[in-house]
């Protein structure tokens, strides 16, 4: 799993969008008018989540979140 990170004008992280691959990270940036900041990957999610670009399920290490 990868993250597209969005910083404010002071350089502080304000959002991290999970994406399933580097190509989805590039696509997310292109679709949202962001500069692609490079590879930010090899992260794990605790629970399953959705890719911010293609909406594919990103499998987390603990599976689906169950209240």
PDB file of N, CA and C in Angstrom:
ATOM      1  N   UNK A   1       0.828  -1.159   0.000  1.00  0.00           N
ATOM      2  CA  UNK A   1       0.000   0.000   0.000  1.00  0.00           C
ATOM      3  C   UNK A   1       0.888   1.243   0.000  1.00  0.00           C
ATOM      4  N   UNK A   2       0.387   2.286  -0.620  1.00  0.00           N
ATOM      5  CA  UNK A   2       1.119   3.539  -0.747  1.00  0.00           C
ATOM      6  C   UNK A   2       0.260   4.677  -0.195  1.00  0.00           C
ATOM      7  N   UNK A   3       0.873   5.809   0.045  1.00  0.00           N
ATOM      8  CA  UNK A   3       0.145   7.013   0.438  1.00  0.00           C
ATOM      9  C   UNK A   3       0.480   8.149  -0.506  1.00  0.00           C
ATOM     10  N   UNK A   4      -0.534   8.915  -0.874  1.00  0.00           N
ATOM     11  CA  UNK A   4      -0.334  10.225  -1.493  1.00  0.00           C
ATOM     12  C   UNK A   4      -0.467  11.214  -0.342  1.00  0.00           C
ATOM     13  N   UNK A   5       0.572  11.970  -0.095  1.00  0.00           N
ATOM     14  CA  UNK A   5       0.530  12.913   1.020  1.00  0.00           C
ATOM     15  C   UNK A   5       0.272  14.324   0.504  1.00  0.00           C
ATOM     16  N   UNK A   6      -0.528  15.064   1.261  1.00  0.00           N
ATOM     17  CA  UNK A   6      -0.873  16.433   0.914  1.00  0.00           C
ATOM     18  C   UNK A   6      -0.414  17.330   2.056  1.00  0.00           C
ATOM     19  N   UNK A   7       0.411  18.320   1.721  1.00  0.00           N
ATOM     20  CA  UNK A   7       0.960  19.252   2.702  1.00  0.00           C
ATOM     21  C   UNK A   7       0.314  20.622   2.530  1.00  0.00           C
ATOM     22  N   UNK A   8       0.278  21.380   3.618  1.00  0.00           N
ATOM     23  CA  UNK A   8      -0.202  22.760   3.526  1.00  0.00           C
ATOM     24  C   UNK A   8       0.952  23.670   3.105  1.00  0.00           C
ATOM     25  N   UNK A   9       0.703  24.960   3.045  1.00  0.00           N
ATOM     26  CA  UNK A   9       1.714  25.906   2.565  1.00  0.00           C
ATOM     27  C   UNK A   9       2.935  26.002   3.482  1.00  0.00           C
ATOM     28  N   UNK A  10       2.790  25.575   4.746  1.00  0.00           N
ATOM     29  CA  UNK A  10       3.928  25.570   5.670  1.00  0.00           C
ATOM     30  C   UNK A  10       4.719  24.256   5.610  1.00  0.00           C
ATOM     31  N   UNK A  11       4.249  23.315   4.784  1.00  0.00           N
ATOM     32  CA  UNK A  11       4.932  22.035   4.656  1.00  0.00           C
ATOM     33  C   UNK A  11       4.470  20.989   5.645  1.00  0.00           C
ATOM     34  N   UNK A  12       3.393  21.282   6.388  1.00  0.00           N
ATOM     35  CA  UNK A  12       2.864  20.311   7.343  1.00  0.00           C
ATOM     36  C   UNK A  12       1.916  19.344   6.642  1.00  0.00           C
ATOM     37  N   UNK A  13       1.994  18.090   7.009  1.00  0.00           N
ATOM     38  CA  UNK A  13       1.115  17.065   6.460  1.00  0.00           C
ATOM     39  C   UNK A  13      -0.313  17.339   6.910  1.00  0.00           C
ATOM     40  N   UNK A  14      -1.236  17.419   5.955  1.00  0.00           N
ATOM     41  CA  UNK A  14      -2.635  17.637   6.318  1.00  0.00           C
ATOM     42  C   UNK A  14      -3.526  16.453   5.929  1.00  0.00           C
ATOM     43  N   UNK A  15      -3.052  15.607   5.006  1.00  0.00           N
ATOM     44  CA  UNK A  15      -3.845  14.450   4.613  1.00  0.00           C
ATOM     45  C   UNK A  15      -2.939  13.399   3.992  1.00  0.00           C
ATOM     46  N   UNK A  16      -3.294  12.135   4.228  1.00  0.00           N
ATOM     47  CA  UNK A  16      -2.593  11.009   3.612  1.00  0.00           C
ATOM     48  C   UNK A  16      -3.651  10.104   2.993  1.00  0.00           C
ATOM     49  N   UNK A  17      -3.646  10.007   1.673  1.00  0.00           N
ATOM     50  CA  UNK A  17      -4.635   9.236   0.934  1.00  0.00           C
ATOM     51  C   UNK A  17      -4.055   7.855   0.634  1.00  0.00           C
ATOM     52  N   UNK A  18      -4.700   6.776   1.117  1.00  0.00           N
ATOM     53  CA  UNK A  18      -4.199   5.439   0.796  1.00  0.00           C
ATOM     54  C   UNK A  18      -4.522   5.068  -0.649  1.00  0.00           C
ATOM     55  N   UNK A  19      -3.543   4.514  -1.334  1.00  0.00           N
ATOM     56  CA  UNK A  19      -3.734   4.016  -2.696  1.00  0.00           C
ATOM     57  C   UNK A  19      -3.099   2.635  -2.800  1.00  0.00           C
ATOM     58  N   UNK A  20      -3.613   1.828  -3.720  1.00  0.00           N
ATOM     59  CA  UNK A  20      -3.184   0.426  -3.782  1.00  0.00           C
ATOM     60  C   UNK A  20      -1.865   0.217  -4.524  1.00  0.00           C
ATOM     61  N   UNK A  21      -1.414   1.212  -5.275  1.00  0.00           N
ATOM     62  CA  UNK A  21      -0.184   1.044  -6.051  1.00  0.00           C
ATOM     63  C   UNK A  21       0.395   2.410  -6.394  1.00  0.00           C
ATOM     64  N   UNK A  22       1.627   2.393  -6.864  1.00  0.00           N
ATOM     65  CA  UNK A  22       2.244   3.648  -7.290  1.00  0.00           C
ATOM     66  C   UNK A  22       1.495   4.244  -8.481  1.00  0.00           C
ATOM     67  N   UNK A  23       1.050   3.389  -9.392  1.00  0.00           N
ATOM     68  CA  UNK A  23       0.314   3.913 -10.547  1.00  0.00           C
ATOM     69  C   UNK A  23      -0.991   4.574 -10.114  1.00  0.00           C
ATOM     70  N   UNK A  24      -1.665   4.044  -9.099  1.00  0.00           N
ATOM     71  CA  UNK A  24      -2.869   4.705  -8.583  1.00  0.00           C
ATOM     72  C   UNK A  24      -2.509   6.010  -7.874  1.00  0.00           C
ATOM     73  N   UNK A  25      -1.353   6.068  -7.248  1.00  0.00           N
ATOM     74  CA  UNK A  25      -0.894   7.319  -6.646  1.00  0.00           C
ATOM     75  C   UNK A  25      -0.682   8.385  -7.703  1.00  0.00           C
ATOM     76  N   UNK A  26      -0.049   7.996  -8.802  1.00  0.00           N
ATOM     77  CA  UNK A  26       0.160   8.940  -9.908  1.00  0.00           C
ATOM     78  C   UNK A  26      -1.182   9.386 -10.487  1.00  0.00           C
ATOM     79  N   UNK A  27      -2.111   8.437 -10.638  1.00  0.00           N
ATOM     80  CA  UNK A  27      -3.420   8.758 -11.207  1.00  0.00           C
ATOM     81  C   UNK A  27      -4.205   9.684 -10.281  1.00  0.00           C
ATOM     82  N   UNK A  28      -4.149   9.410  -8.964  1.00  0.00           N
ATOM     83  CA  UNK A  28      -4.841  10.268  -8.001  1.00  0.00           C
ATOM     84  C   UNK A  28      -4.334  11.704  -8.109  1.00  0.00           C
ATOM     85  N   UNK A  29      -3.027  11.853  -8.180  1.00  0.00           N
ATOM     86  CA  UNK A  29      -2.440  13.198  -8.300  1.00  0.00           C
ATOM     87  C   UNK A  29      -2.888  13.868  -9.590  1.00  0.00           C
ATOM     88  N   UNK A  30      -2.858  13.140 -10.685  1.00  0.00           N
ATOM     89  CA  UNK A  30      -3.274  13.689 -11.969  1.00  0.00           C
ATOM     90  C   UNK A  30      -4.743  14.111 -11.928  1.00  0.00           C
ATOM     91  N   UNK A  31      -5.594  13.261 -11.369  1.00  0.00           N
ATOM     92  CA  UNK A  31      -7.034  13.542 -11.307  1.00  0.00           C
ATOM     93  C   UNK A  31      -7.371  14.715 -10.392  1.00  0.00           C
ATOM     94  N   UNK A  32      -6.503  14.999  -9.415  1.00  0.00           N
ATOM     95  CA  UNK A  32      -6.795  16.021  -8.414  1.00  0.00           C
ATOM     96  C   UNK A  32      -5.890  17.247  -8.494  1.00  0.00           C
ATOM     97  N   UNK A  33      -5.151  17.379  -9.599  1.00  0.00           N
ATOM     98  CA  UNK A  33      -4.326  18.564  -9.815  1.00  0.00           C
ATOM     99  C   UNK A  33      -3.180  18.700  -8.838  1.00  0.00           C
ATOM    100  N   UNK A  34      -2.649  17.572  -8.378  1.00  0.00           N
ATOM    101  CA  UNK A  34      -1.537  17.589  -7.424  1.00  0.00           C
ATOM    102  C   UNK A  34      -0.246  17.200  -8.123  1.00  0.00           C
ATOM    103  N   UNK A  35       0.861  17.715  -7.637  1.00  0.00           N
ATOM    104  CA  UNK A  35       2.162  17.262  -8.119  1.00  0.00           C
ATOM    105  C   UNK A  35       2.457  15.907  -7.499  1.00  0.00           C
ATOM    106  N   UNK A  36       2.914  14.965  -8.320  1.00  0.00           N
ATOM    107  CA  UNK A  36       3.292  13.654  -7.809  1.00  0.00           C
ATOM    108  C   UNK A  36       4.599  13.801  -7.044  1.00  0.00           C
ATOM    109  N   UNK A  37       4.585  13.460  -5.757  1.00  0.00           N
ATOM    110  CA  UNK A  37       5.748  13.665  -4.903  1.00  0.00           C
ATOM    111  C   UNK A  37       6.696  12.494  -4.811  1.00  0.00           C
ATOM    112  N   UNK A  38       6.466  11.460  -5.607  1.00  0.00           N
ATOM    113  CA  UNK A  38       7.339  10.307  -5.580  1.00  0.00           C
ATOM    114  C   UNK A  38       6.762   9.150  -4.790  1.00  0.00           C
ATOM    115  N   UNK A  39       7.503   8.066  -4.787  1.00  0.00           N
ATOM    116  CA  UNK A  39       7.094   6.821  -4.159  1.00  0.00           C
ATOM    117  C   UNK A  39       7.010   6.974  -2.643  1.00  0.00           C
ATOM    118  N   UNK A  40       5.891   6.606  -2.075  1.00  0.00           N
ATOM    119  CA  UNK A  40       5.707   6.584  -0.620  1.00  0.00           C
ATOM    120  C   UNK A  40       4.940   5.312  -0.322  1.00  0.00           C
ATOM    121  N   UNK A  41       5.625   4.189  -0.301  1.00  0.00           N
ATOM    122  CA  UNK A  41       4.931   2.911  -0.223  1.00  0.00           C
ATOM    123  C   UNK A  41       5.447   1.978   0.830  1.00  0.00           C
ATOM    124  N   UNK A  42       5.002   0.738   0.698  1.00  0.00           N
ATOM    125  CA  UNK A  42       5.345  -0.347   1.613  1.00  0.00           C
ATOM    126  C   UNK A  42       4.798  -0.101   3.019  1.00  0.00           C
ATOM    127  N   UNK A  43       3.585   0.423   3.094  1.00  0.00           N
ATOM    128  CA  UNK A  43       2.907   0.620   4.368  1.00  0.00           C
ATOM    129  C   UNK A  43       1.882  -0.486   4.555  1.00  0.00           C
ATOM    130  N   UNK A  44       1.499  -0.733   5.783  1.00  0.00           N
ATOM    131  CA  UNK A  44       0.448  -1.700   6.082  1.00  0.00           C
ATOM    132  C   UNK A  44      -0.741  -0.983   6.688  1.00  0.00           C
ATOM    133  N   UNK A  45      -1.930  -1.461   6.369  1.00  0.00           N
ATOM    134  CA  UNK A  45      -3.148  -1.011   7.030  1.00  0.00           C
ATOM    135  C   UNK A  45      -3.514  -2.039   8.084  1.00  0.00           C
ATOM    136  N   UNK A  46      -4.050  -1.600   9.212  1.00  0.00           N
ATOM    137  CA  UNK A  46      -4.518  -2.564  10.210  1.00  0.00           C
ATOM    138  C   UNK A  46      -5.764  -3.276   9.707  1.00  0.00           C
ATOM    139  N   UNK A  47      -6.688  -2.506   9.128  1.00  0.00           N
ATOM    140  CA  UNK A  47      -7.931  -3.071   8.626  1.00  0.00           C
ATOM    141  C   UNK A  47      -8.064  -2.778   7.137  1.00  0.00           C
ATOM    142  N   UNK A  48      -8.903  -3.556   6.463  1.00  0.00           N
ATOM    143  CA  UNK A  48      -9.143  -3.345   5.043  1.00  0.00           C
ATOM    144  C   UNK A  48      -9.580  -1.902   4.792  1.00  0.00           C
ATOM    145  N   UNK A  49      -9.164  -1.353   3.667  1.00  0.00           N
ATOM    146  CA  UNK A  49      -9.557  -0.010   3.275  1.00  0.00           C
ATOM    147  C   UNK A  49      -9.736   0.047   1.771  1.00  0.00           C
ATOM    148  N   UNK A  50     -10.097   1.209   1.271  1.00  0.00           N
ATOM    149  CA  UNK A  50     -10.292   1.380  -0.160  1.00  0.00           C
ATOM    150  C   UNK A  50      -9.219   2.288  -0.741  1.00  0.00           C
ATOM    151  N   UNK A  51      -8.809   1.971  -1.959  1.00  0.00           N
ATOM    152  CA  UNK A  51      -7.868   2.807  -2.691  1.00  0.00           C
ATOM    153  C   UNK A  51      -8.538   4.140  -3.003  1.00  0.00           C
ATOM    154  N   UNK A  52      -7.849   5.228  -2.742  1.00  0.00           N
ATOM    155  CA  UNK A  52      -8.376   6.559  -3.014  1.00  0.00           C
ATOM    156  C   UNK A  52      -8.495   6.874  -4.483  1.00  0.00           C
ATOM    157  N   UNK A  53      -7.925   6.037  -5.352  1.00  0.00           N
ATOM    158  CA  UNK A  53      -7.980   6.286  -6.781  1.00  0.00           C
ATOM    159  C   UNK A  53      -8.959   5.347  -7.491  1.00  0.00           C
ATOM    160  N   UNK A  54      -8.791   4.042  -7.325  1.00  0.00           N
ATOM    161  CA  UNK A  54      -9.597   3.077  -8.098  1.00  0.00           C
ATOM    162  C   UNK A  54     -10.671   2.375  -7.264  1.00  0.00           C
ATOM    163  N   UNK A  55     -10.715   2.651  -5.957  1.00  0.00           N
ATOM    164  CA  UNK A  55     -11.691   2.062  -5.036  1.00  0.00           C
ATOM    165  C   UNK A  55     -11.556   0.557  -4.844  1.00  0.00           C
ATOM    166  N   UNK A  56     -10.422  -0.024  -5.231  1.00  0.00           N
ATOM    167  CA  UNK A  56     -10.172  -1.437  -4.942  1.00  0.00           C
ATOM    168  C   UNK A  56      -9.945  -1.603  -3.446  1.00  0.00           C
ATOM    169  N   UNK A  57     -10.273  -2.783  -2.943  1.00  0.00           N
ATOM    170  CA  UNK A  57     -10.021  -3.065  -1.524  1.00  0.00           C
ATOM    171  C   UNK A  57      -8.526  -3.259  -1.310  1.00  0.00           C
ATOM    172  N   UNK A  58      -7.989  -2.572  -0.311  1.00  0.00           N
ATOM    173  CA  UNK A  58      -6.612  -2.782   0.128  1.00  0.00           C
ATOM    174  C   UNK A  58      -6.723  -3.629   1.388  1.00  0.00           C
ATOM    175  N   UNK A  59      -6.213  -4.836   1.339  1.00  0.00           N
ATOM    176  CA  UNK A  59      -6.371  -5.781   2.440  1.00  0.00           C
ATOM    177  C   UNK A  59      -5.479  -5.379   3.612  1.00  0.00           C
ATOM    178  N   UNK A  60      -6.086  -5.246   4.779  1.00  0.00           N
ATOM    179  CA  UNK A  60      -5.343  -4.933   5.991  1.00  0.00           C
ATOM    180  C   UNK A  60      -4.885  -6.198   6.699  1.00  0.00           C
ATOM    181  N   UNK A  61      -3.930  -6.062   7.588  1.00  0.00           N
ATOM    182  CA  UNK A  61      -3.365  -7.239   8.257  1.00  0.00           C
ATOM    183  C   UNK A  61      -4.373  -7.915   9.195  1.00  0.00           C
ATOM    184  N   UNK A  62      -5.375  -7.171   9.688  1.00  0.00           N
ATOM    185  CA  UNK A  62      -6.394  -7.759  10.564  1.00  0.00           C
ATOM    186  C   UNK A  62      -7.707  -8.021   9.847  1.00  0.00           C
ATOM    187  N   UNK A  63      -7.759  -7.793   8.544  1.00  0.00           N
ATOM    188  CA  UNK A  63      -8.978  -8.036   7.786  1.00  0.00           C
ATOM    189  C   UNK A  63      -9.963  -6.889   7.917  1.00  0.00           C
ATOM    190  N   UNK A  64     -11.217  -7.217   7.714  1.00  0.00           N
ATOM    191  CA  UNK A  64     -12.280  -6.216   7.735  1.00  0.00           C
ATOM    192  C   UNK A  64     -12.488  -5.711   9.163  1.00  0.00           C
ATOM    193  N   UNK A  65     -12.798  -4.410   9.278  1.00  0.00           N
ATOM    194  CA  UNK A  65     -13.100  -3.819  10.573  1.00  0.00           C
ATOM    195  C   UNK A  65     -14.493  -4.264  10.982  1.00  0.00           C
ATOM    196  N   UNK A  66     -14.620  -4.799  12.181  1.00  0.00           N
ATOM    197  CA  UNK A  66     -15.905  -5.287  12.670  1.00  0.00           C
ATOM    198  C   UNK A  66     -16.180  -4.647  14.012  1.00  0.00           C
ATOM    199  N   UNK A  67     -17.205  -3.783  14.051  1.00  0.00           N
ATOM    200  CA  UNK A  67     -17.537  -3.120  15.320  1.00  0.00           C
ATOM    201  C   UNK A  67     -17.883  -4.155  16.313  1.00  0.00           C
TER     202      UNK A  67
END
